[in-house]
Amino acid sequence: FERMTFMINPDEEKSSLESRDMIR
C-alpha cells in the first residue's frame, strides 16, 4: 500500500465541528 491512515475523531456526536476540516 502507498498510505493507510486511521483517524479517530473525538467530537463526531457534536457534528465533528472541530475535526471536520481534518477529515476533509
PDBML (XML) file of the C-alpha atoms, coordinates in Angstrom:
<?xml version="1.0" encoding="UTF-8" ?>
<PDBx:datablock datablockName="MODEL"
   xmlns:PDBx="http://pdbml.pdb.org/schema/pdbx-v50.xsd"
   xmlns:xsi="http://www.w3.org/2001/XMLSchema-instance"
   xsi:schemaLocation="http://pdbml.pdb.org/schema/pdbx-v50.xsd pdbx-v50.xsd">
   <PDBx:atom_siteCategory>
      <PDBx:atom_site id="1">
         <PDBx:B_iso_or_equiv>0.00</PDBx:B_iso_or_equiv>
         <PDBx:Cartn_x>0.000</PDBx:Cartn_x>
         <PDBx:Cartn_y>0.000</PDBx:Cartn_y>
         <PDBx:Cartn_z>0.000</PDBx:Cartn_z>
         <PDBx:auth_asym_id>A</PDBx:auth_asym_id>
         <PDBx:auth_atom_id>CA</PDBx:auth_atom_id>
         <PDBx:auth_comp_id>PHE</PDBx:auth_comp_id>
         <PDBx:auth_seq_id>1</PDBx:auth_seq_id>
         <PDBx:group_PDB>ATOM</PDBx:group_PDB>
         <PDBx:label_alt_id xsi:nil="true" />
         <PDBx:label_asym_id>A</PDBx:label_asym_id>
         <PDBx:label_atom_id>CA</PDBx:label_atom_id>
         <PDBx:label_comp_id>PHE</PDBx:label_comp_id>
         <PDBx:label_entity_id>1</PDBx:label_entity_id>
         <PDBx:label_seq_id>1</PDBx:label_seq_id>
         <PDBx:occupancy>1.00</PDBx:occupancy>
         <PDBx:pdbx_PDB_model_num>1</PDBx:pdbx_PDB_model_num>
         <PDBx:type_symbol>C</PDBx:type_symbol>
      </PDBx:atom_site>
      <PDBx:atom_site id="2">
         <PDBx:B_iso_or_equiv>0.00</PDBx:B_iso_or_equiv>
         <PDBx:Cartn_x>1.082</PDBx:Cartn_x>
         <PDBx:Cartn_y>3.580</PDBx:Cartn_y>
         <PDBx:Cartn_z>-0.512</PDBx:Cartn_z>
         <PDBx:auth_asym_id>A</PDBx:auth_asym_id>
         <PDBx:auth_atom_id>CA</PDBx:auth_atom_id>
         <PDBx:auth_comp_id>GLU</PDBx:auth_comp_id>
         <PDBx:auth_seq_id>2</PDBx:auth_seq_id>
         <PDBx:group_PDB>ATOM</PDBx:group_PDB>
         <PDBx:label_alt_id xsi:nil="true" />
         <PDBx:label_asym_id>A</PDBx:label_asym_id>
         <PDBx:label_atom_id>CA</PDBx:label_atom_id>
         <PDBx:label_comp_id>GLU</PDBx:label_comp_id>
         <PDBx:label_entity_id>1</PDBx:label_entity_id>
         <PDBx:label_seq_id>2</PDBx:label_seq_id>
         <PDBx:occupancy>1.00</PDBx:occupancy>
         <PDBx:pdbx_PDB_model_num>1</PDBx:pdbx_PDB_model_num>
         <PDBx:type_symbol>C</PDBx:type_symbol>
      </PDBx:atom_site>
      <PDBx:atom_site id="3">
         <PDBx:B_iso_or_equiv>0.00</PDBx:B_iso_or_equiv>
         <PDBx:Cartn_x>-0.518</PDBx:Cartn_x>
         <PDBx:Cartn_y>5.075</PDBx:Cartn_y>
         <PDBx:Cartn_z>2.585</PDBx:Cartn_z>
         <PDBx:auth_asym_id>A</PDBx:auth_asym_id>
         <PDBx:auth_atom_id>CA</PDBx:auth_atom_id>
         <PDBx:auth_comp_id>ARG</PDBx:auth_comp_id>
         <PDBx:auth_seq_id>3</PDBx:auth_seq_id>
         <PDBx:group_PDB>ATOM</PDBx:group_PDB>
         <PDBx:label_alt_id xsi:nil="true" />
         <PDBx:label_asym_id>A</PDBx:label_asym_id>
         <PDBx:label_atom_id>CA</PDBx:label_atom_id>
         <PDBx:label_comp_id>ARG</PDBx:label_comp_id>
         <PDBx:label_entity_id>1</PDBx:label_entity_id>
         <PDBx:label_seq_id>3</PDBx:label_seq_id>
         <PDBx:occupancy>1.00</PDBx:occupancy>
         <PDBx:pdbx_PDB_model_num>1</PDBx:pdbx_PDB_model_num>
         <PDBx:type_symbol>C</PDBx:type_symbol>
      </PDBx:atom_site>
      <PDBx:atom_site id="4">
         <PDBx:B_iso_or_equiv>0.00</PDBx:B_iso_or_equiv>
         <PDBx:Cartn_x>-3.003</PDBx:Cartn_x>
         <PDBx:Cartn_y>3.885</PDBx:Cartn_y>
         <PDBx:Cartn_z>5.195</PDBx:Cartn_z>
         <PDBx:auth_asym_id>A</PDBx:auth_asym_id>
         <PDBx:auth_atom_id>CA</PDBx:auth_atom_id>
         <PDBx:auth_comp_id>MET</PDBx:auth_comp_id>
         <PDBx:auth_seq_id>4</PDBx:auth_seq_id>
         <PDBx:group_PDB>ATOM</PDBx:group_PDB>
         <PDBx:label_alt_id xsi:nil="true" />
         <PDBx:label_asym_id>A</PDBx:label_asym_id>
         <PDBx:label_atom_id>CA</PDBx:label_atom_id>
         <PDBx:label_comp_id>MET</PDBx:label_comp_id>
         <PDBx:label_entity_id>1</PDBx:label_entity_id>
         <PDBx:label_seq_id>4</PDBx:label_seq_id>
         <PDBx:occupancy>1.00</PDBx:occupancy>
         <PDBx:pdbx_PDB_model_num>1</PDBx:pdbx_PDB_model_num>
         <PDBx:type_symbol>C</PDBx:type_symbol>
      </PDBx:atom_site>
      <PDBx:atom_site id="5">
         <PDBx:B_iso_or_equiv>0.00</PDBx:B_iso_or_equiv>
         <PDBx:Cartn_x>-4.446</PDBx:Cartn_x>
         <PDBx:Cartn_y>6.278</PDBx:Cartn_y>
         <PDBx:Cartn_z>7.794</PDBx:Cartn_z>
         <PDBx:auth_asym_id>A</PDBx:auth_asym_id>
         <PDBx:auth_atom_id>CA</PDBx:auth_atom_id>
         <PDBx:auth_comp_id>THR</PDBx:auth_comp_id>
         <PDBx:auth_seq_id>5</PDBx:auth_seq_id>
         <PDBx:group_PDB>ATOM</PDBx:group_PDB>
         <PDBx:label_alt_id xsi:nil="true" />
         <PDBx:label_asym_id>A</PDBx:label_asym_id>
         <PDBx:label_atom_id>CA</PDBx:label_atom_id>
         <PDBx:label_comp_id>THR</PDBx:label_comp_id>
         <PDBx:label_entity_id>1</PDBx:label_entity_id>
         <PDBx:label_seq_id>5</PDBx:label_seq_id>
         <PDBx:occupancy>1.00</PDBx:occupancy>
         <PDBx:pdbx_PDB_model_num>1</PDBx:pdbx_PDB_model_num>
         <PDBx:type_symbol>C</PDBx:type_symbol>
      </PDBx:atom_site>
      <PDBx:atom_site id="6">
         <PDBx:B_iso_or_equiv>0.00</PDBx:B_iso_or_equiv>
         <PDBx:Cartn_x>-6.742</PDBx:Cartn_x>
         <PDBx:Cartn_y>5.668</PDBx:Cartn_y>
         <PDBx:Cartn_z>10.753</PDBx:Cartn_z>
         <PDBx:auth_asym_id>A</PDBx:auth_asym_id>
         <PDBx:auth_atom_id>CA</PDBx:auth_atom_id>
         <PDBx:auth_comp_id>PHE</PDBx:auth_comp_id>
         <PDBx:auth_seq_id>6</PDBx:auth_seq_id>
         <PDBx:group_PDB>ATOM</PDBx:group_PDB>
         <PDBx:label_alt_id xsi:nil="true" />
         <PDBx:label_asym_id>A</PDBx:label_asym_id>
         <PDBx:label_atom_id>CA</PDBx:label_atom_id>
         <PDBx:label_comp_id>PHE</PDBx:label_comp_id>
         <PDBx:label_entity_id>1</PDBx:label_entity_id>
         <PDBx:label_seq_id>6</PDBx:label_seq_id>
         <PDBx:occupancy>1.00</PDBx:occupancy>
         <PDBx:pdbx_PDB_model_num>1</PDBx:pdbx_PDB_model_num>
         <PDBx:type_symbol>C</PDBx:type_symbol>
      </PDBx:atom_site>
      <PDBx:atom_site id="7">
         <PDBx:B_iso_or_equiv>0.00</PDBx:B_iso_or_equiv>
         <PDBx:Cartn_x>-8.366</PDBx:Cartn_x>
         <PDBx:Cartn_y>8.819</PDBx:Cartn_y>
         <PDBx:Cartn_z>12.145</PDBx:Cartn_z>
         <PDBx:auth_asym_id>A</PDBx:auth_asym_id>
         <PDBx:auth_atom_id>CA</PDBx:auth_atom_id>
         <PDBx:auth_comp_id>MET</PDBx:auth_comp_id>
         <PDBx:auth_seq_id>7</PDBx:auth_seq_id>
         <PDBx:group_PDB>ATOM</PDBx:group_PDB>
         <PDBx:label_alt_id xsi:nil="true" />
         <PDBx:label_asym_id>A</PDBx:label_asym_id>
         <PDBx:label_atom_id>CA</PDBx:label_atom_id>
         <PDBx:label_comp_id>MET</PDBx:label_comp_id>
         <PDBx:label_entity_id>1</PDBx:label_entity_id>
         <PDBx:label_seq_id>7</PDBx:label_seq_id>
         <PDBx:occupancy>1.00</PDBx:occupancy>
         <PDBx:pdbx_PDB_model_num>1</PDBx:pdbx_PDB_model_num>
         <PDBx:type_symbol>C</PDBx:type_symbol>
      </PDBx:atom_site>
      <PDBx:atom_site id="8">
         <PDBx:B_iso_or_equiv>0.00</PDBx:B_iso_or_equiv>
         <PDBx:Cartn_x>-10.187</PDBx:Cartn_x>
         <PDBx:Cartn_y>8.508</PDBx:Cartn_y>
         <PDBx:Cartn_z>15.474</PDBx:Cartn_z>
         <PDBx:auth_asym_id>A</PDBx:auth_asym_id>
         <PDBx:auth_atom_id>CA</PDBx:auth_atom_id>
         <PDBx:auth_comp_id>ILE</PDBx:auth_comp_id>
         <PDBx:auth_seq_id>8</PDBx:auth_seq_id>
         <PDBx:group_PDB>ATOM</PDBx:group_PDB>
         <PDBx:label_alt_id xsi:nil="true" />
         <PDBx:label_asym_id>A</PDBx:label_asym_id>
         <PDBx:label_atom_id>CA</PDBx:label_atom_id>
         <PDBx:label_comp_id>ILE</PDBx:label_comp_id>
         <PDBx:label_entity_id>1</PDBx:label_entity_id>
         <PDBx:label_seq_id>8</PDBx:label_seq_id>
         <PDBx:occupancy>1.00</PDBx:occupancy>
         <PDBx:pdbx_PDB_model_num>1</PDBx:pdbx_PDB_model_num>
         <PDBx:type_symbol>C</PDBx:type_symbol>
      </PDBx:atom_site>
      <PDBx:atom_site id="9">
         <PDBx:B_iso_or_equiv>0.00</PDBx:B_iso_or_equiv>
         <PDBx:Cartn_x>-12.451</PDBx:Cartn_x>
         <PDBx:Cartn_y>11.507</PDBx:Cartn_y>
         <PDBx:Cartn_z>15.909</PDBx:Cartn_z>
         <PDBx:auth_asym_id>A</PDBx:auth_asym_id>
         <PDBx:auth_atom_id>CA</PDBx:auth_atom_id>
         <PDBx:auth_comp_id>ASN</PDBx:auth_comp_id>
         <PDBx:auth_seq_id>9</PDBx:auth_seq_id>
         <PDBx:group_PDB>ATOM</PDBx:group_PDB>
         <PDBx:label_alt_id xsi:nil="true" />
         <PDBx:label_asym_id>A</PDBx:label_asym_id>
         <PDBx:label_atom_id>CA</PDBx:label_atom_id>
         <PDBx:label_comp_id>ASN</PDBx:label_comp_id>
         <PDBx:label_entity_id>1</PDBx:label_entity_id>
         <PDBx:label_seq_id>9</PDBx:label_seq_id>
         <PDBx:occupancy>1.00</PDBx:occupancy>
         <PDBx:pdbx_PDB_model_num>1</PDBx:pdbx_PDB_model_num>
         <PDBx:type_symbol>C</PDBx:type_symbol>
      </PDBx:atom_site>
      <PDBx:atom_site id="10">
         <PDBx:B_iso_or_equiv>0.00</PDBx:B_iso_or_equiv>
         <PDBx:Cartn_x>-13.190</PDBx:Cartn_x>
         <PDBx:Cartn_y>12.973</PDBx:Cartn_y>
         <PDBx:Cartn_z>19.389</PDBx:Cartn_z>
         <PDBx:auth_asym_id>A</PDBx:auth_asym_id>
         <PDBx:auth_atom_id>CA</PDBx:auth_atom_id>
         <PDBx:auth_comp_id>PRO</PDBx:auth_comp_id>
         <PDBx:auth_seq_id>10</PDBx:auth_seq_id>
         <PDBx:group_PDB>ATOM</PDBx:group_PDB>
         <PDBx:label_alt_id xsi:nil="true" />
         <PDBx:label_asym_id>A</PDBx:label_asym_id>
         <PDBx:label_atom_id>CA</PDBx:label_atom_id>
         <PDBx:label_comp_id>PRO</PDBx:label_comp_id>
         <PDBx:label_entity_id>1</PDBx:label_entity_id>
         <PDBx:label_seq_id>10</PDBx:label_seq_id>
         <PDBx:occupancy>1.00</PDBx:occupancy>
         <PDBx:pdbx_PDB_model_num>1</PDBx:pdbx_PDB_model_num>
         <PDBx:type_symbol>C</PDBx:type_symbol>
      </PDBx:atom_site>
      <PDBx:atom_site id="11">
         <PDBx:B_iso_or_equiv>0.00</PDBx:B_iso_or_equiv>
         <PDBx:Cartn_x>-16.318</PDBx:Cartn_x>
         <PDBx:Cartn_y>15.006</PDBx:Cartn_y>
         <PDBx:Cartn_z>18.527</PDBx:Cartn_z>
         <PDBx:auth_asym_id>A</PDBx:auth_asym_id>
         <PDBx:auth_atom_id>CA</PDBx:auth_atom_id>
         <PDBx:auth_comp_id>ASP</PDBx:auth_comp_id>
         <PDBx:auth_seq_id>11</PDBx:auth_seq_id>
         <PDBx:group_PDB>ATOM</PDBx:group_PDB>
         <PDBx:label_alt_id xsi:nil="true" />
         <PDBx:label_asym_id>A</PDBx:label_asym_id>
         <PDBx:label_atom_id>CA</PDBx:label_atom_id>
         <PDBx:label_comp_id>ASP</PDBx:label_comp_id>
         <PDBx:label_entity_id>1</PDBx:label_entity_id>
         <PDBx:label_seq_id>11</PDBx:label_seq_id>
         <PDBx:occupancy>1.00</PDBx:occupancy>
         <PDBx:pdbx_PDB_model_num>1</PDBx:pdbx_PDB_model_num>
         <PDBx:type_symbol>C</PDBx:type_symbol>
      </PDBx:atom_site>
      <PDBx:atom_site id="12">
         <PDBx:B_iso_or_equiv>0.00</PDBx:B_iso_or_equiv>
         <PDBx:Cartn_x>-18.425</PDBx:Cartn_x>
         <PDBx:Cartn_y>13.140</PDBx:Cartn_y>
         <PDBx:Cartn_z>15.951</PDBx:Cartn_z>
         <PDBx:auth_asym_id>A</PDBx:auth_asym_id>
         <PDBx:auth_atom_id>CA</PDBx:auth_atom_id>
         <PDBx:auth_comp_id>GLU</PDBx:auth_comp_id>
         <PDBx:auth_seq_id>12</PDBx:auth_seq_id>
         <PDBx:group_PDB>ATOM</PDBx:group_PDB>
         <PDBx:label_alt_id xsi:nil="true" />
         <PDBx:label_asym_id>A</PDBx:label_asym_id>
         <PDBx:label_atom_id>CA</PDBx:label_atom_id>
         <PDBx:label_comp_id>GLU</PDBx:label_comp_id>
         <PDBx:label_entity_id>1</PDBx:label_entity_id>
         <PDBx:label_seq_id>12</PDBx:label_seq_id>
         <PDBx:occupancy>1.00</PDBx:occupancy>
         <PDBx:pdbx_PDB_model_num>1</PDBx:pdbx_PDB_model_num>
         <PDBx:type_symbol>C</PDBx:type_symbol>
      </PDBx:atom_site>
      <PDBx:atom_site id="13">
         <PDBx:B_iso_or_equiv>0.00</PDBx:B_iso_or_equiv>
         <PDBx:Cartn_x>-21.525</PDBx:Cartn_x>
         <PDBx:Cartn_y>13.211</PDBx:Cartn_y>
         <PDBx:Cartn_z>18.142</PDBx:Cartn_z>
         <PDBx:auth_asym_id>A</PDBx:auth_asym_id>
         <PDBx:auth_atom_id>CA</PDBx:auth_atom_id>
         <PDBx:auth_comp_id>GLU</PDBx:auth_comp_id>
         <PDBx:auth_seq_id>13</PDBx:auth_seq_id>
         <PDBx:group_PDB>ATOM</PDBx:group_PDB>
         <PDBx:label_alt_id xsi:nil="true" />
         <PDBx:label_asym_id>A</PDBx:label_asym_id>
         <PDBx:label_atom_id>CA</PDBx:label_atom_id>
         <PDBx:label_comp_id>GLU</PDBx:label_comp_id>
         <PDBx:label_entity_id>1</PDBx:label_entity_id>
         <PDBx:label_seq_id>13</PDBx:label_seq_id>
         <PDBx:occupancy>1.00</PDBx:occupancy>
         <PDBx:pdbx_PDB_model_num>1</PDBx:pdbx_PDB_model_num>
         <PDBx:type_symbol>C</PDBx:type_symbol>
      </PDBx:atom_site>
      <PDBx:atom_site id="14">
         <PDBx:B_iso_or_equiv>0.00</PDBx:B_iso_or_equiv>
         <PDBx:Cartn_x>-21.250</PDBx:Cartn_x>
         <PDBx:Cartn_y>17.028</PDBx:Cartn_y>
         <PDBx:Cartn_z>18.183</PDBx:Cartn_z>
         <PDBx:auth_asym_id>A</PDBx:auth_asym_id>
         <PDBx:auth_atom_id>CA</PDBx:auth_atom_id>
         <PDBx:auth_comp_id>LYS</PDBx:auth_comp_id>
         <PDBx:auth_seq_id>14</PDBx:auth_seq_id>
         <PDBx:group_PDB>ATOM</PDBx:group_PDB>
         <PDBx:label_alt_id xsi:nil="true" />
         <PDBx:label_asym_id>A</PDBx:label_asym_id>
         <PDBx:label_atom_id>CA</PDBx:label_atom_id>
         <PDBx:label_comp_id>LYS</PDBx:label_comp_id>
         <PDBx:label_entity_id>1</PDBx:label_entity_id>
         <PDBx:label_seq_id>14</PDBx:label_seq_id>
         <PDBx:occupancy>1.00</PDBx:occupancy>
         <PDBx:pdbx_PDB_model_num>1</PDBx:pdbx_PDB_model_num>
         <PDBx:type_symbol>C</PDBx:type_symbol>
      </PDBx:atom_site>
      <PDBx:atom_site id="15">
         <PDBx:B_iso_or_equiv>0.00</PDBx:B_iso_or_equiv>
         <PDBx:Cartn_x>-21.222</PDBx:Cartn_x>
         <PDBx:Cartn_y>17.217</PDBx:Cartn_y>
         <PDBx:Cartn_z>14.358</PDBx:Cartn_z>
         <PDBx:auth_asym_id>A</PDBx:auth_asym_id>
         <PDBx:auth_atom_id>CA</PDBx:auth_atom_id>
         <PDBx:auth_comp_id>SER</PDBx:auth_comp_id>
         <PDBx:auth_seq_id>15</PDBx:auth_seq_id>
         <PDBx:group_PDB>ATOM</PDBx:group_PDB>
         <PDBx:label_alt_id xsi:nil="true" />
         <PDBx:label_asym_id>A</PDBx:label_asym_id>
         <PDBx:label_atom_id>CA</PDBx:label_atom_id>
         <PDBx:label_comp_id>SER</PDBx:label_comp_id>
         <PDBx:label_entity_id>1</PDBx:label_entity_id>
         <PDBx:label_seq_id>15</PDBx:label_seq_id>
         <PDBx:occupancy>1.00</PDBx:occupancy>
         <PDBx:pdbx_PDB_model_num>1</PDBx:pdbx_PDB_model_num>
         <PDBx:type_symbol>C</PDBx:type_symbol>
      </PDBx:atom_site>
      <PDBx:atom_site id="16">
         <PDBx:B_iso_or_equiv>0.00</PDBx:B_iso_or_equiv>
         <PDBx:Cartn_x>-17.399</PDBx:Cartn_x>
         <PDBx:Cartn_y>16.998</PDBx:Cartn_y>
         <PDBx:Cartn_z>14.156</PDBx:Cartn_z>
         <PDBx:auth_asym_id>A</PDBx:auth_asym_id>
         <PDBx:auth_atom_id>CA</PDBx:auth_atom_id>
         <PDBx:auth_comp_id>SER</PDBx:auth_comp_id>
         <PDBx:auth_seq_id>16</PDBx:auth_seq_id>
         <PDBx:group_PDB>ATOM</PDBx:group_PDB>
         <PDBx:label_alt_id xsi:nil="true" />
         <PDBx:label_asym_id>A</PDBx:label_asym_id>
         <PDBx:label_atom_id>CA</PDBx:label_atom_id>
         <PDBx:label_comp_id>SER</PDBx:label_comp_id>
         <PDBx:label_entity_id>1</PDBx:label_entity_id>
         <PDBx:label_seq_id>16</PDBx:label_seq_id>
         <PDBx:occupancy>1.00</PDBx:occupancy>
         <PDBx:pdbx_PDB_model_num>1</PDBx:pdbx_PDB_model_num>
         <PDBx:type_symbol>C</PDBx:type_symbol>
      </PDBx:atom_site>
      <PDBx:atom_site id="17">
         <PDBx:B_iso_or_equiv>0.00</PDBx:B_iso_or_equiv>
         <PDBx:Cartn_x>-17.213</PDBx:Cartn_x>
         <PDBx:Cartn_y>20.794</PDBx:Cartn_y>
         <PDBx:Cartn_z>14.379</PDBx:Cartn_z>
         <PDBx:auth_asym_id>A</PDBx:auth_asym_id>
         <PDBx:auth_atom_id>CA</PDBx:auth_atom_id>
         <PDBx:auth_comp_id>LEU</PDBx:auth_comp_id>
         <PDBx:auth_seq_id>17</PDBx:auth_seq_id>
         <PDBx:group_PDB>ATOM</PDBx:group_PDB>
         <PDBx:label_alt_id xsi:nil="true" />
         <PDBx:label_asym_id>A</PDBx:label_asym_id>
         <PDBx:label_atom_id>CA</PDBx:label_atom_id>
         <PDBx:label_comp_id>LEU</PDBx:label_comp_id>
         <PDBx:label_entity_id>1</PDBx:label_entity_id>
         <PDBx:label_seq_id>17</PDBx:label_seq_id>
         <PDBx:occupancy>1.00</PDBx:occupancy>
         <PDBx:pdbx_PDB_model_num>1</PDBx:pdbx_PDB_model_num>
         <PDBx:type_symbol>C</PDBx:type_symbol>
      </PDBx:atom_site>
      <PDBx:atom_site id="18">
         <PDBx:B_iso_or_equiv>0.00</PDBx:B_iso_or_equiv>
         <PDBx:Cartn_x>-13.557</PDBx:Cartn_x>
         <PDBx:Cartn_y>20.787</PDBx:Cartn_y>
         <PDBx:Cartn_z>15.459</PDBx:Cartn_z>
         <PDBx:auth_asym_id>A</PDBx:auth_asym_id>
         <PDBx:auth_atom_id>CA</PDBx:auth_atom_id>
         <PDBx:auth_comp_id>GLU</PDBx:auth_comp_id>
         <PDBx:auth_seq_id>18</PDBx:auth_seq_id>
         <PDBx:group_PDB>ATOM</PDBx:group_PDB>
         <PDBx:label_alt_id xsi:nil="true" />
         <PDBx:label_asym_id>A</PDBx:label_asym_id>
         <PDBx:label_atom_id>CA</PDBx:label_atom_id>
         <PDBx:label_comp_id>GLU</PDBx:label_comp_id>
         <PDBx:label_entity_id>1</PDBx:label_entity_id>
         <PDBx:label_seq_id>18</PDBx:label_seq_id>
         <PDBx:occupancy>1.00</PDBx:occupancy>
         <PDBx:pdbx_PDB_model_num>1</PDBx:pdbx_PDB_model_num>
         <PDBx:type_symbol>C</PDBx:type_symbol>
      </PDBx:atom_site>
      <PDBx:atom_site id="19">
         <PDBx:B_iso_or_equiv>0.00</PDBx:B_iso_or_equiv>
         <PDBx:Cartn_x>-12.395</PDBx:Cartn_x>
         <PDBx:Cartn_y>17.816</PDBx:Cartn_y>
         <PDBx:Cartn_z>13.386</PDBx:Cartn_z>
         <PDBx:auth_asym_id>A</PDBx:auth_asym_id>
         <PDBx:auth_atom_id>CA</PDBx:auth_atom_id>
         <PDBx:auth_comp_id>SER</PDBx:auth_comp_id>
         <PDBx:auth_seq_id>19</PDBx:auth_seq_id>
         <PDBx:group_PDB>ATOM</PDBx:group_PDB>
         <PDBx:label_alt_id xsi:nil="true" />
         <PDBx:label_asym_id>A</PDBx:label_asym_id>
         <PDBx:label_atom_id>CA</PDBx:label_atom_id>
         <PDBx:label_comp_id>SER</PDBx:label_comp_id>
         <PDBx:label_entity_id>1</PDBx:label_entity_id>
         <PDBx:label_seq_id>19</PDBx:label_seq_id>
         <PDBx:occupancy>1.00</PDBx:occupancy>
         <PDBx:pdbx_PDB_model_num>1</PDBx:pdbx_PDB_model_num>
         <PDBx:type_symbol>C</PDBx:type_symbol>
      </PDBx:atom_site>
      <PDBx:atom_site id="20">
         <PDBx:B_iso_or_equiv>0.00</PDBx:B_iso_or_equiv>
         <PDBx:Cartn_x>-14.284</PDBx:Cartn_x>
         <PDBx:Cartn_y>18.149</PDBx:Cartn_y>
         <PDBx:Cartn_z>10.086</PDBx:Cartn_z>
         <PDBx:auth_asym_id>A</PDBx:auth_asym_id>
         <PDBx:auth_atom_id>CA</PDBx:auth_atom_id>
         <PDBx:auth_comp_id>ARG</PDBx:auth_comp_id>
         <PDBx:auth_seq_id>20</PDBx:auth_seq_id>
         <PDBx:group_PDB>ATOM</PDBx:group_PDB>
         <PDBx:label_alt_id xsi:nil="true" />
         <PDBx:label_asym_id>A</PDBx:label_asym_id>
         <PDBx:label_atom_id>CA</PDBx:label_atom_id>
         <PDBx:label_comp_id>ARG</PDBx:label_comp_id>
         <PDBx:label_entity_id>1</PDBx:label_entity_id>
         <PDBx:label_seq_id>20</PDBx:label_seq_id>
         <PDBx:occupancy>1.00</PDBx:occupancy>
         <PDBx:pdbx_PDB_model_num>1</PDBx:pdbx_PDB_model_num>
         <PDBx:type_symbol>C</PDBx:type_symbol>
      </PDBx:atom_site>
      <PDBx:atom_site id="21">
         <PDBx:B_iso_or_equiv>0.00</PDBx:B_iso_or_equiv>
         <PDBx:Cartn_x>-11.525</PDBx:Cartn_x>
         <PDBx:Cartn_y>20.156</PDBx:Cartn_y>
         <PDBx:Cartn_z>8.401</PDBx:Cartn_z>
         <PDBx:auth_asym_id>A</PDBx:auth_asym_id>
         <PDBx:auth_atom_id>CA</PDBx:auth_atom_id>
         <PDBx:auth_comp_id>ASP</PDBx:auth_comp_id>
         <PDBx:auth_seq_id>21</PDBx:auth_seq_id>
         <PDBx:group_PDB>ATOM</PDBx:group_PDB>
         <PDBx:label_alt_id xsi:nil="true" />
         <PDBx:label_asym_id>A</PDBx:label_asym_id>
         <PDBx:label_atom_id>CA</PDBx:label_atom_id>
         <PDBx:label_comp_id>ASP</PDBx:label_comp_id>
         <PDBx:label_entity_id>1</PDBx:label_entity_id>
         <PDBx:label_seq_id>21</PDBx:label_seq_id>
         <PDBx:occupancy>1.00</PDBx:occupancy>
         <PDBx:pdbx_PDB_model_num>1</PDBx:pdbx_PDB_model_num>
         <PDBx:type_symbol>C</PDBx:type_symbol>
      </PDBx:atom_site>
      <PDBx:atom_site id="22">
         <PDBx:B_iso_or_equiv>0.00</PDBx:B_iso_or_equiv>
         <PDBx:Cartn_x>-9.004</PDBx:Cartn_x>
         <PDBx:Cartn_y>17.437</PDBx:Cartn_y>
         <PDBx:Cartn_z>9.200</PDBx:Cartn_z>
         <PDBx:auth_asym_id>A</PDBx:auth_asym_id>
         <PDBx:auth_atom_id>CA</PDBx:auth_atom_id>
         <PDBx:auth_comp_id>MET</PDBx:auth_comp_id>
         <PDBx:auth_seq_id>22</PDBx:auth_seq_id>
         <PDBx:group_PDB>ATOM</PDBx:group_PDB>
         <PDBx:label_alt_id xsi:nil="true" />
         <PDBx:label_asym_id>A</PDBx:label_asym_id>
         <PDBx:label_atom_id>CA</PDBx:label_atom_id>
         <PDBx:label_comp_id>MET</PDBx:label_comp_id>
         <PDBx:label_entity_id>1</PDBx:label_entity_id>
         <PDBx:label_seq_id>22</PDBx:label_seq_id>
         <PDBx:occupancy>1.00</PDBx:occupancy>
         <PDBx:pdbx_PDB_model_num>1</PDBx:pdbx_PDB_model_num>
         <PDBx:type_symbol>C</PDBx:type_symbol>
      </PDBx:atom_site>
      <PDBx:atom_site id="23">
         <PDBx:B_iso_or_equiv>0.00</PDBx:B_iso_or_equiv>
         <PDBx:Cartn_x>-11.374</PDBx:Cartn_x>
         <PDBx:Cartn_y>14.721</PDBx:Cartn_y>
         <PDBx:Cartn_z>7.963</PDBx:Cartn_z>
         <PDBx:auth_asym_id>A</PDBx:auth_asym_id>
         <PDBx:auth_atom_id>CA</PDBx:auth_atom_id>
         <PDBx:auth_comp_id>ILE</PDBx:auth_comp_id>
         <PDBx:auth_seq_id>23</PDBx:auth_seq_id>
         <PDBx:group_PDB>ATOM</PDBx:group_PDB>
         <PDBx:label_alt_id xsi:nil="true" />
         <PDBx:label_asym_id>A</PDBx:label_asym_id>
         <PDBx:label_atom_id>CA</PDBx:label_atom_id>
         <PDBx:label_comp_id>ILE</PDBx:label_comp_id>
         <PDBx:label_entity_id>1</PDBx:label_entity_id>
         <PDBx:label_seq_id>23</PDBx:label_seq_id>
         <PDBx:occupancy>1.00</PDBx:occupancy>
         <PDBx:pdbx_PDB_model_num>1</PDBx:pdbx_PDB_model_num>
         <PDBx:type_symbol>C</PDBx:type_symbol>
      </PDBx:atom_site>
      <PDBx:atom_site id="24">
         <PDBx:B_iso_or_equiv>0.00</PDBx:B_iso_or_equiv>
         <PDBx:Cartn_x>-11.913</PDBx:Cartn_x>
         <PDBx:Cartn_y>16.563</PDBx:Cartn_y>
         <PDBx:Cartn_z>4.695</PDBx:Cartn_z>
         <PDBx:auth_asym_id>A</PDBx:auth_asym_id>
         <PDBx:auth_atom_id>CA</PDBx:auth_atom_id>
         <PDBx:auth_comp_id>ARG</PDBx:auth_comp_id>
         <PDBx:auth_seq_id>24</PDBx:auth_seq_id>
         <PDBx:group_PDB>ATOM</PDBx:group_PDB>
         <PDBx:label_alt_id xsi:nil="true" />
         <PDBx:label_asym_id>A</PDBx:label_asym_id>
         <PDBx:label_atom_id>CA</PDBx:label_atom_id>
         <PDBx:label_comp_id>ARG</PDBx:label_comp_id>
         <PDBx:label_entity_id>1</PDBx:label_entity_id>
         <PDBx:label_seq_id>24</PDBx:label_seq_id>
         <PDBx:occupancy>1.00</PDBx:occupancy>
         <PDBx:pdbx_PDB_model_num>1</PDBx:pdbx_PDB_model_num>
         <PDBx:type_symbol>C</PDBx:type_symbol>
      </PDBx:atom_site>
   </PDBx:atom_siteCategory>
</PDBx:datablock>
